[in-house]
Amino acid sequence: SSHSFTKEVLKKAGKQALTFACDTDINAWTGIDNDSPSPYTALRTAGGNVHVGFDVEKEDASTRYDVIKLMDIYLGIPSVLLDGDTDRRSMYGHAGACRLKDYGVEYRVLSNFWSQSDEHIKWVYNQATRAVENKNYVAEILDKYHPDLIQKTINDSDVDMASIIVADLQLDL
């Protein structure tokens, strides 16, 4: 999911090696644009963004943010336990990272770890579906854990807290 390259390798790659992301993303928890990472680090990452479509004409932006918040619970928290690469989160993959799309949302928290097995691909599909299906119950689901704790658990790759939340909410792994 991430790798630190030598300066020589990055120099040989040219200007393209200094280009990160195509558009900024937003933190669904705050509604504020996330800072773009500095391209002057040797670390390069691979994302496993999840694009989810649903009838956005029936929903407002807050509902799309609710889907992302639930994806943090159903996908982001368990990913702390499933994805051993914590370096990527120093640049990308912070809780709530998303882009609102005309068809729904793009969830930008996960690395590409899940694309390596059919089992994980199915898990991502099922959990993303669950987030959309439960979008009207986000308040009840978030009553149990404060949004700051959800974000901190993901952003800090806190395995101990993620284990507690996964067990308590009986989340699928």
N, C-alpha and C. Protein backbone atom coordinates (compact mmCIF):
# COMPACT_ATOMS: atom_id res chain seq x y z
N SER A 1 0.81 -1.21 0.00
CA SER A 1 0.00 0.00 0.00
C SER A 1 0.84 1.26 0.00
N SER A 2 2.07 1.13 0.48
CA SER A 2 2.97 2.29 0.43
C SER A 2 4.41 1.81 0.30
N HIS A 3 5.23 2.71 -0.22
CA HIS A 3 6.64 2.41 -0.38
C HIS A 3 7.43 3.71 -0.40
N SER A 4 8.56 3.72 0.26
CA SER A 4 9.45 4.88 0.21
C SER A 4 10.51 4.62 -0.85
N PHE A 5 10.56 5.52 -1.81
CA PHE A 5 11.52 5.42 -2.91
C PHE A 5 12.72 6.30 -2.62
N THR A 6 13.83 5.99 -3.24
CA THR A 6 15.00 6.84 -3.10
C THR A 6 14.79 8.11 -3.94
N LYS A 7 15.50 9.15 -3.59
CA LYS A 7 15.41 10.40 -4.35
C LYS A 7 15.83 10.19 -5.80
N GLU A 8 16.78 9.31 -6.01
CA GLU A 8 17.26 9.03 -7.36
C GLU A 8 16.16 8.43 -8.23
N VAL A 9 15.43 7.49 -7.67
CA VAL A 9 14.34 6.86 -8.41
C VAL A 9 13.25 7.88 -8.74
N LEU A 10 12.90 8.70 -7.77
CA LEU A 10 11.87 9.72 -8.00
C LEU A 10 12.32 10.74 -9.04
N LYS A 11 13.60 11.09 -8.99
CA LYS A 11 14.13 12.05 -9.97
C LYS A 11 14.04 11.48 -11.39
N LYS A 12 14.37 10.20 -11.54
CA LYS A 12 14.30 9.55 -12.85
C LYS A 12 12.86 9.48 -13.36
N ALA A 13 11.91 9.42 -12.46
CA ALA A 13 10.50 9.33 -12.86
C ALA A 13 9.97 10.65 -13.41
N GLY A 14 10.66 11.73 -13.12
CA GLY A 14 10.26 13.03 -13.67
C GLY A 14 9.17 13.71 -12.87
N LYS A 15 8.58 14.74 -13.49
CA LYS A 15 7.57 15.58 -12.81
C LYS A 15 6.36 14.78 -12.35
N GLN A 16 6.04 13.72 -13.07
CA GLN A 16 4.87 12.93 -12.72
C GLN A 16 5.01 12.34 -11.31
N ALA A 17 6.22 12.10 -10.86
CA ALA A 17 6.44 11.55 -9.53
C ALA A 17 6.12 12.56 -8.44
N LEU A 18 5.95 13.82 -8.81
CA LEU A 18 5.62 14.87 -7.84
C LEU A 18 4.15 15.28 -7.92
N THR A 19 3.37 14.56 -8.69
CA THR A 19 1.95 14.87 -8.84
C THR A 19 1.14 13.94 -7.96
N PHE A 20 0.37 14.52 -7.04
CA PHE A 20 -0.46 13.73 -6.13
C PHE A 20 -1.92 14.07 -6.36
N ALA A 21 -2.74 13.07 -6.48
CA ALA A 21 -4.20 13.20 -6.56
C ALA A 21 -4.63 14.15 -7.67
N CYS A 22 -5.88 14.00 -8.06
CA CYS A 22 -6.40 14.86 -9.11
C CYS A 22 -7.21 16.00 -8.53
N ASP A 23 -7.93 15.78 -7.48
CA ASP A 23 -8.73 16.79 -6.80
C ASP A 23 -8.57 16.62 -5.30
N THR A 24 -8.79 17.70 -4.58
CA THR A 24 -8.76 17.58 -3.12
C THR A 24 -9.98 16.77 -2.66
N ASP A 25 -9.86 16.20 -1.50
CA ASP A 25 -11.02 15.52 -0.94
C ASP A 25 -11.47 16.25 0.31
N ILE A 26 -12.59 15.82 0.84
CA ILE A 26 -13.26 16.49 1.95
C ILE A 26 -13.33 15.52 3.12
N ASN A 27 -13.30 16.07 4.32
CA ASN A 27 -13.53 15.27 5.52
C ASN A 27 -15.04 15.30 5.80
N ALA A 28 -15.70 14.17 5.69
CA ALA A 28 -17.15 14.09 5.88
C ALA A 28 -17.56 14.45 7.30
N TRP A 29 -16.65 14.32 8.25
CA TRP A 29 -16.98 14.63 9.64
C TRP A 29 -17.01 16.13 9.89
N THR A 30 -16.17 16.87 9.15
CA THR A 30 -16.07 18.32 9.38
C THR A 30 -16.60 19.15 8.22
N GLY A 31 -16.67 18.56 7.02
CA GLY A 31 -17.07 19.31 5.84
C GLY A 31 -15.96 20.19 5.29
N ILE A 32 -14.76 20.05 5.81
CA ILE A 32 -13.61 20.87 5.42
C ILE A 32 -12.71 20.08 4.47
N ASP A 33 -12.14 20.79 3.48
CA ASP A 33 -11.20 20.15 2.56
C ASP A 33 -10.00 19.62 3.33
N ASN A 34 -9.56 18.42 2.98
CA ASN A 34 -8.33 17.87 3.55
C ASN A 34 -7.13 18.50 2.86
N ASP A 35 -6.06 18.69 3.61
CA ASP A 35 -4.82 19.20 3.02
C ASP A 35 -4.23 18.17 2.09
N SER A 36 -3.69 18.63 0.98
CA SER A 36 -2.97 17.73 0.08
C SER A 36 -1.61 17.43 0.67
N PRO A 37 -1.16 16.19 0.56
CA PRO A 37 0.16 15.85 1.10
C PRO A 37 1.26 16.48 0.26
N SER A 38 2.40 16.65 0.87
CA SER A 38 3.55 17.19 0.16
C SER A 38 4.12 16.13 -0.78
N PRO A 39 4.33 16.49 -2.04
CA PRO A 39 4.93 15.54 -2.98
C PRO A 39 6.44 15.39 -2.77
N TYR A 40 7.01 16.14 -1.85
CA TYR A 40 8.45 16.14 -1.67
C TYR A 40 8.91 15.12 -0.63
N THR A 41 8.07 14.17 -0.34
CA THR A 41 8.44 13.05 0.52
C THR A 41 8.77 11.87 -0.39
N ALA A 42 9.49 10.91 0.13
CA ALA A 42 9.84 9.73 -0.67
C ALA A 42 8.73 8.69 -0.66
N LEU A 43 7.75 8.87 0.22
CA LEU A 43 6.67 7.90 0.36
C LEU A 43 5.65 8.06 -0.76
N ARG A 44 5.30 6.94 -1.39
CA ARG A 44 4.25 6.90 -2.39
C ARG A 44 3.25 5.84 -1.97
N THR A 45 1.98 6.08 -2.26
CA THR A 45 0.94 5.19 -1.76
C THR A 45 -0.01 4.75 -2.86
N ALA A 46 -0.72 3.68 -2.56
CA ALA A 46 -1.75 3.17 -3.47
C ALA A 46 -3.07 3.11 -2.71
N GLY A 47 -4.06 3.82 -3.22
CA GLY A 47 -5.37 3.84 -2.59
C GLY A 47 -6.26 2.76 -3.13
N GLY A 48 -7.26 2.44 -2.38
CA GLY A 48 -8.30 1.50 -2.79
C GLY A 48 -9.64 2.19 -2.63
N ASN A 49 -9.82 3.30 -3.34
CA ASN A 49 -11.03 4.10 -3.20
C ASN A 49 -12.25 3.29 -3.60
N VAL A 50 -13.35 3.54 -2.89
CA VAL A 50 -14.59 2.81 -3.13
C VAL A 50 -15.63 3.82 -3.63
N HIS A 51 -16.13 3.58 -4.83
CA HIS A 51 -17.15 4.44 -5.43
C HIS A 51 -18.51 3.80 -5.21
N VAL A 52 -19.43 4.57 -4.65
CA VAL A 52 -20.75 4.05 -4.33
C VAL A 52 -21.80 4.95 -4.96
N GLY A 53 -22.67 4.34 -5.74
CA GLY A 53 -23.74 5.09 -6.38
C GLY A 53 -25.08 4.84 -5.74
N PHE A 54 -25.87 5.89 -5.63
CA PHE A 54 -27.25 5.78 -5.16
C PHE A 54 -27.99 7.01 -5.65
N ASP A 55 -29.29 7.03 -5.49
CA ASP A 55 -30.11 8.12 -6.03
C ASP A 55 -29.86 9.40 -5.26
N VAL A 56 -28.89 10.19 -5.70
CA VAL A 56 -28.52 11.42 -4.99
C VAL A 56 -29.57 12.51 -5.14
N GLU A 57 -30.42 12.41 -6.14
CA GLU A 57 -31.45 13.44 -6.31
C GLU A 57 -32.46 13.40 -5.18
N LYS A 58 -32.56 12.28 -4.51
CA LYS A 58 -33.46 12.16 -3.36
C LYS A 58 -32.76 12.51 -2.05
N GLU A 59 -31.46 12.75 -2.12
CA GLU A 59 -30.67 12.98 -0.91
C GLU A 59 -29.97 14.32 -0.97
N ASP A 60 -29.65 14.89 0.18
CA ASP A 60 -28.84 16.10 0.20
C ASP A 60 -27.40 15.74 0.56
N ALA A 61 -26.54 16.74 0.57
CA ALA A 61 -25.12 16.46 0.84
C ALA A 61 -24.92 15.83 2.21
N SER A 62 -25.72 16.21 3.19
CA SER A 62 -25.54 15.63 4.53
C SER A 62 -25.78 14.12 4.53
N THR A 63 -26.70 13.66 3.71
CA THR A 63 -26.94 12.21 3.62
C THR A 63 -25.74 11.52 3.02
N ARG A 64 -25.10 12.15 2.03
CA ARG A 64 -23.90 11.54 1.45
C ARG A 64 -22.78 11.50 2.48
N TYR A 65 -22.68 12.54 3.30
CA TYR A 65 -21.69 12.52 4.38
C TYR A 65 -22.02 11.40 5.38
N ASP A 66 -23.31 11.19 5.64
CA ASP A 66 -23.70 10.11 6.56
C ASP A 66 -23.26 8.75 6.02
N VAL A 67 -23.37 8.54 4.72
CA VAL A 67 -22.91 7.29 4.12
C VAL A 67 -21.41 7.13 4.37
N ILE A 68 -20.65 8.19 4.19
CA ILE A 68 -19.19 8.14 4.42
C ILE A 68 -18.89 7.84 5.88
N LYS A 69 -19.62 8.46 6.79
CA LYS A 69 -19.41 8.20 8.22
C LYS A 69 -19.66 6.73 8.54
N LEU A 70 -20.71 6.18 7.96
CA LEU A 70 -20.99 4.76 8.17
C LEU A 70 -19.93 3.89 7.51
N MET A 71 -19.41 4.33 6.38
CA MET A 71 -18.33 3.56 5.76
C MET A 71 -17.09 3.58 6.65
N ASP A 72 -16.86 4.69 7.37
CA ASP A 72 -15.78 4.71 8.34
C ASP A 72 -15.98 3.64 9.40
N ILE A 73 -17.22 3.47 9.84
CA ILE A 73 -17.50 2.46 10.86
C ILE A 73 -17.40 1.05 10.28
N TYR A 74 -18.05 0.80 9.15
CA TYR A 74 -18.12 -0.54 8.59
C TYR A 74 -16.85 -0.96 7.84
N LEU A 75 -16.11 0.00 7.30
CA LEU A 75 -14.91 -0.31 6.53
C LEU A 75 -13.64 0.25 7.18
N GLY A 76 -13.67 1.52 7.56
CA GLY A 76 -12.47 2.18 8.08
C GLY A 76 -11.96 1.58 9.37
N ILE A 77 -12.85 1.40 10.34
CA ILE A 77 -12.45 0.81 11.62
C ILE A 77 -11.91 -0.62 11.43
N PRO A 78 -12.64 -1.50 10.74
CA PRO A 78 -12.09 -2.85 10.54
C PRO A 78 -10.79 -2.86 9.73
N SER A 79 -10.62 -1.87 8.82
CA SER A 79 -9.39 -1.84 8.02
C SER A 79 -8.16 -1.63 8.88
N VAL A 80 -8.33 -1.01 10.03
CA VAL A 80 -7.20 -0.83 10.95
C VAL A 80 -6.67 -2.21 11.37
N LEU A 81 -7.56 -3.17 11.46
CA LEU A 81 -7.16 -4.53 11.84
C LEU A 81 -6.71 -5.36 10.65
N LEU A 82 -7.24 -5.08 9.48
CA LEU A 82 -6.96 -5.90 8.29
C LEU A 82 -5.77 -5.42 7.47
N ASP A 83 -5.47 -4.12 7.53
CA ASP A 83 -4.41 -3.54 6.70
C ASP A 83 -3.21 -3.21 7.58
N GLY A 84 -2.15 -3.96 7.44
CA GLY A 84 -0.97 -3.77 8.27
C GLY A 84 -0.13 -2.55 7.92
N ASP A 85 -0.41 -1.90 6.80
CA ASP A 85 0.39 -0.75 6.37
C ASP A 85 -0.15 0.53 7.02
N THR A 86 0.59 1.05 7.98
CA THR A 86 0.16 2.29 8.66
C THR A 86 0.85 3.52 8.07
N ASP A 87 1.86 3.33 7.23
CA ASP A 87 2.57 4.48 6.65
C ASP A 87 1.67 5.32 5.76
N ARG A 88 0.80 4.66 5.00
CA ARG A 88 -0.06 5.38 4.06
C ARG A 88 -0.90 6.43 4.77
N ARG A 89 -1.36 6.13 5.98
CA ARG A 89 -2.23 7.08 6.70
C ARG A 89 -1.51 8.35 7.12
N SER A 90 -0.19 8.38 7.01
CA SER A 90 0.51 9.64 7.28
C SER A 90 0.26 10.64 6.15
N MET A 91 -0.20 10.14 5.00
CA MET A 91 -0.47 11.00 3.84
C MET A 91 -1.93 10.97 3.43
N TYR A 92 -2.47 9.78 3.29
CA TYR A 92 -3.82 9.56 2.79
C TYR A 92 -4.56 8.59 3.70
N GLY A 93 -5.87 8.56 3.54
CA GLY A 93 -6.66 7.57 4.25
C GLY A 93 -7.15 8.00 5.61
N HIS A 94 -7.19 9.31 5.84
CA HIS A 94 -7.73 9.79 7.10
C HIS A 94 -9.23 9.56 7.14
N ALA A 95 -9.76 9.42 8.34
CA ALA A 95 -11.19 9.17 8.52
C ALA A 95 -12.02 10.21 7.78
N GLY A 96 -13.08 9.73 7.17
CA GLY A 96 -14.03 10.62 6.50
C GLY A 96 -13.59 11.15 5.15
N ALA A 97 -12.42 10.77 4.68
CA ALA A 97 -11.93 11.30 3.39
C ALA A 97 -12.84 10.83 2.26
N CYS A 98 -13.35 11.80 1.52
CA CYS A 98 -14.31 11.46 0.46
C CYS A 98 -14.35 12.56 -0.60
N ARG A 99 -15.01 12.21 -1.66
CA ARG A 99 -15.40 13.17 -2.69
C ARG A 99 -16.87 12.91 -2.98
N LEU A 100 -17.65 13.99 -3.01
CA LEU A 100 -19.05 13.87 -3.40
C LEU A 100 -19.10 13.83 -4.91
N LYS A 101 -19.82 12.88 -5.44
CA LYS A 101 -19.92 12.68 -6.89
C LYS A 101 -21.37 12.86 -7.32
N ASP A 102 -21.57 13.10 -8.60
CA ASP A 102 -22.94 13.28 -9.09
C ASP A 102 -23.74 11.98 -9.00
N TYR A 103 -23.08 10.85 -8.83
CA TYR A 103 -23.75 9.55 -8.72
C TYR A 103 -23.80 9.04 -7.29
N GLY A 104 -23.11 9.71 -6.35
CA GLY A 104 -23.05 9.25 -4.97
C GLY A 104 -21.81 9.77 -4.27
N VAL A 105 -20.92 8.85 -3.86
CA VAL A 105 -19.73 9.23 -3.12
C VAL A 105 -18.52 8.39 -3.53
N GLU A 106 -17.36 8.93 -3.26
CA GLU A 106 -16.09 8.21 -3.39
C GLU A 106 -15.46 8.18 -2.01
N TYR A 107 -15.33 7.00 -1.44
CA TYR A 107 -14.74 6.80 -0.12
C TYR A 107 -13.24 6.60 -0.29
N ARG A 108 -12.42 7.45 0.32
CA ARG A 108 -10.99 7.48 0.05
C ARG A 108 -10.12 7.08 1.25
N VAL A 109 -10.67 6.32 2.15
CA VAL A 109 -9.95 5.96 3.37
C VAL A 109 -9.09 4.72 3.19
N LEU A 110 -9.58 3.76 2.45
CA LEU A 110 -8.88 2.46 2.35
C LEU A 110 -7.68 2.52 1.42
N SER A 111 -6.69 1.72 1.75
CA SER A 111 -5.58 1.47 0.84
C SER A 111 -6.04 0.40 -0.15
N ASN A 112 -5.14 -0.06 -0.94
CA ASN A 112 -5.48 -1.10 -1.92
C ASN A 112 -5.41 -2.52 -1.35
N PHE A 113 -5.24 -2.65 -0.04
CA PHE A 113 -5.09 -3.98 0.56
C PHE A 113 -6.24 -4.92 0.18
N TRP A 114 -7.42 -4.36 0.08
CA TRP A 114 -8.61 -5.19 -0.12
C TRP A 114 -8.74 -5.73 -1.55
N SER A 115 -8.01 -5.15 -2.48
CA SER A 115 -8.12 -5.59 -3.87
C SER A 115 -7.31 -6.86 -4.16
N GLN A 116 -6.64 -7.37 -3.14
CA GLN A 116 -5.75 -8.52 -3.33
C GLN A 116 -6.43 -9.87 -3.17
N SER A 117 -7.68 -9.88 -2.70
CA SER A 117 -8.36 -11.17 -2.55
C SER A 117 -9.86 -11.03 -2.82
N ASP A 118 -10.43 -12.09 -3.36
CA ASP A 118 -11.87 -12.09 -3.61
C ASP A 118 -12.66 -11.92 -2.32
N GLU A 119 -12.15 -12.49 -1.25
CA GLU A 119 -12.81 -12.40 0.06
C GLU A 119 -12.91 -10.94 0.51
N HIS A 120 -11.81 -10.20 0.37
CA HIS A 120 -11.83 -8.79 0.78
C HIS A 120 -12.66 -7.93 -0.17
N ILE A 121 -12.65 -8.24 -1.44
CA ILE A 121 -13.47 -7.49 -2.40
C ILE A 121 -14.95 -7.66 -2.04
N LYS A 122 -15.34 -8.87 -1.75
CA LYS A 122 -16.72 -9.14 -1.35
C LYS A 122 -17.06 -8.41 -0.05
N TRP A 123 -16.12 -8.42 0.89
CA TRP A 123 -16.31 -7.73 2.17
C TRP A 123 -16.54 -6.23 1.94
N VAL A 124 -15.73 -5.61 1.11
CA VAL A 124 -15.89 -4.17 0.84
C VAL A 124 -17.26 -3.91 0.20
N TYR A 125 -17.63 -4.72 -0.75
CA TYR A 125 -18.94 -4.56 -1.41
C TYR A 125 -20.07 -4.65 -0.38
N ASN A 126 -20.03 -5.67 0.44
CA ASN A 126 -21.09 -5.88 1.43
C ASN A 126 -21.15 -4.75 2.46
N GLN A 127 -20.00 -4.30 2.91
CA GLN A 127 -19.98 -3.24 3.92
C GLN A 127 -20.40 -1.89 3.33
N ALA A 128 -20.01 -1.61 2.10
CA ALA A 128 -20.45 -0.37 1.44
C ALA A 128 -21.96 -0.39 1.24
N THR A 129 -22.48 -1.54 0.85
CA THR A 129 -23.93 -1.69 0.69
C THR A 129 -24.64 -1.46 2.02
N ARG A 130 -24.08 -2.01 3.07
CA ARG A 130 -24.64 -1.84 4.41
C ARG A 130 -24.67 -0.37 4.82
N ALA A 131 -23.62 0.37 4.48
CA ALA A 131 -23.57 1.81 4.81
C ALA A 131 -24.70 2.56 4.11
N VAL A 132 -24.92 2.27 2.84
CA VAL A 132 -26.00 2.94 2.11
C VAL A 132 -27.36 2.54 2.68
N GLU A 133 -27.53 1.28 2.96
CA GLU A 133 -28.82 0.80 3.49
C GLU A 133 -29.14 1.40 4.86
N ASN A 134 -28.12 1.73 5.65
CA ASN A 134 -28.32 2.25 7.00
C ASN A 134 -28.16 3.76 7.11
N LYS A 135 -28.08 4.45 5.98
CA LYS A 135 -27.80 5.90 6.00
C LYS A 135 -28.80 6.72 6.81
N ASN A 136 -30.01 6.21 6.97
CA ASN A 136 -31.01 6.95 7.74
C ASN A 136 -30.91 6.70 9.24
N TYR A 137 -29.98 5.83 9.64
CA TYR A 137 -29.83 5.49 11.05
C TYR A 137 -28.47 5.90 11.62
N VAL A 138 -27.81 6.81 10.94
CA VAL A 138 -26.45 7.18 11.35
C VAL A 138 -26.42 7.73 12.78
N ALA A 139 -27.41 8.52 13.18
CA ALA A 139 -27.41 9.10 14.53
C ALA A 139 -27.45 8.00 15.59
N GLU A 140 -28.32 7.01 15.39
CA GLU A 140 -28.43 5.91 16.34
C GLU A 140 -27.14 5.10 16.40
N ILE A 141 -26.55 4.87 15.25
CA ILE A 141 -25.32 4.08 15.19
C ILE A 141 -24.16 4.83 15.85
N LEU A 142 -24.13 6.15 15.64
CA LEU A 142 -23.04 6.95 16.21
C LEU A 142 -23.26 7.32 17.68
N ASP A 143 -24.44 7.02 18.23
CA ASP A 143 -24.68 7.28 19.65
C ASP A 143 -23.73 6.50 20.54
N LYS A 144 -23.32 5.36 20.07
CA LYS A 144 -22.48 4.47 20.89
C LYS A 144 -21.03 4.97 21.00
N TYR A 145 -20.52 5.56 19.91
CA TYR A 145 -19.13 6.03 19.89
C TYR A 145 -19.07 7.45 19.34
N HIS A 146 -18.39 8.31 20.05
CA HIS A 146 -18.26 9.71 19.63
C HIS A 146 -17.49 9.80 18.31
N PRO A 147 -17.93 10.68 17.42
CA PRO A 147 -17.23 10.84 16.14
C PRO A 147 -15.73 11.08 16.27
N ASP A 148 -15.31 11.80 17.30
CA ASP A 148 -13.87 12.04 17.50
C ASP A 148 -13.12 10.73 17.74
N LEU A 149 -13.75 9.81 18.46
CA LEU A 149 -13.11 8.52 18.73
C LEU A 149 -13.01 7.69 17.46
N ILE A 150 -14.07 7.72 16.64
CA ILE A 150 -14.03 7.00 15.36
C ILE A 150 -12.88 7.52 14.52
N GLN A 151 -12.78 8.85 14.40
CA GLN A 151 -11.73 9.44 13.58
C GLN A 151 -10.34 9.14 14.13
N LYS A 152 -10.18 9.27 15.43
CA LYS A 152 -8.87 9.03 16.05
C LYS A 152 -8.44 7.57 15.87
N THR A 153 -9.38 6.66 16.01
CA THR A 153 -9.06 5.24 15.85
C THR A 153 -8.52 4.96 14.46
N ILE A 154 -9.17 5.53 13.44
CA ILE A 154 -8.72 5.32 12.07
C ILE A 154 -7.42 6.07 11.81
N ASN A 155 -7.39 7.35 12.14
CA ASN A 155 -6.22 8.19 11.82
C ASN A 155 -4.95 7.73 12.52
N ASP A 156 -5.09 7.20 13.73
CA ASP A 156 -3.93 6.73 14.49
C ASP A 156 -3.66 5.24 14.30
N SER A 157 -4.47 4.58 13.46
CA SER A 157 -4.37 3.12 13.29
C SER A 157 -4.32 2.42 14.64
N ASP A 158 -5.25 2.80 15.52
CA ASP A 158 -5.30 2.29 16.88
C ASP A 158 -5.95 0.89 16.89
N VAL A 159 -5.10 -0.12 16.84
CA VAL A 159 -5.55 -1.51 16.77
C VAL A 159 -6.36 -1.89 18.00
N ASP A 160 -5.95 -1.44 19.18
CA ASP A 160 -6.67 -1.81 20.41
C ASP A 160 -8.09 -1.27 20.39
N MET A 161 -8.25 0.01 20.06
CA MET A 161 -9.59 0.60 20.04
C MET A 161 -10.42 0.03 18.90
N ALA A 162 -9.79 -0.19 17.75
CA ALA A 162 -10.51 -0.79 16.62
C ALA A 162 -11.03 -2.17 17.01
N SER A 163 -10.25 -2.95 17.74
CA SER A 163 -10.68 -4.28 18.19
C SER A 163 -11.89 -4.18 19.11
N ILE A 164 -11.88 -3.20 20.00
CA ILE A 164 -13.01 -3.00 20.92
C ILE A 164 -14.27 -2.64 20.15
N ILE A 165 -14.15 -1.68 19.22
CA ILE A 165 -15.31 -1.23 18.45
C ILE A 165 -15.85 -2.35 17.57
N VAL A 166 -14.96 -3.07 16.89
CA VAL A 166 -15.39 -4.18 16.02
C VAL A 166 -16.15 -5.23 16.83
N ALA A 167 -15.62 -5.58 17.99
CA ALA A 167 -16.28 -6.58 18.83
C ALA A 167 -17.62 -6.06 19.37
N ASP A 168 -17.62 -4.83 19.85
CA ASP A 168 -18.81 -4.26 20.45
C ASP A 168 -19.95 -4.08 19.44
N LEU A 169 -19.61 -3.60 18.24
CA LEU A 169 -20.63 -3.38 17.21
C LEU A 169 -20.84 -4.61 16.34
N GLN A 170 -20.10 -5.68 16.65
CA GLN A 170 -20.19 -6.93 15.89
C GLN A 170 -20.02 -6.68 14.39
N LEU A 171 -18.94 -5.96 14.07
CA LEU A 171 -18.64 -5.63 12.67
C LEU A 171 -18.01 -6.82 11.97
N ASP A 172 -18.30 -6.93 10.71
CA ASP A 172 -17.72 -8.00 9.90
C ASP A 172 -16.27 -7.71 9.58
N LEU A 173 -15.47 -8.76 9.61
CA LEU A 173 -14.06 -8.66 9.18
C LEU A 173 -13.85 -9.59 8.00
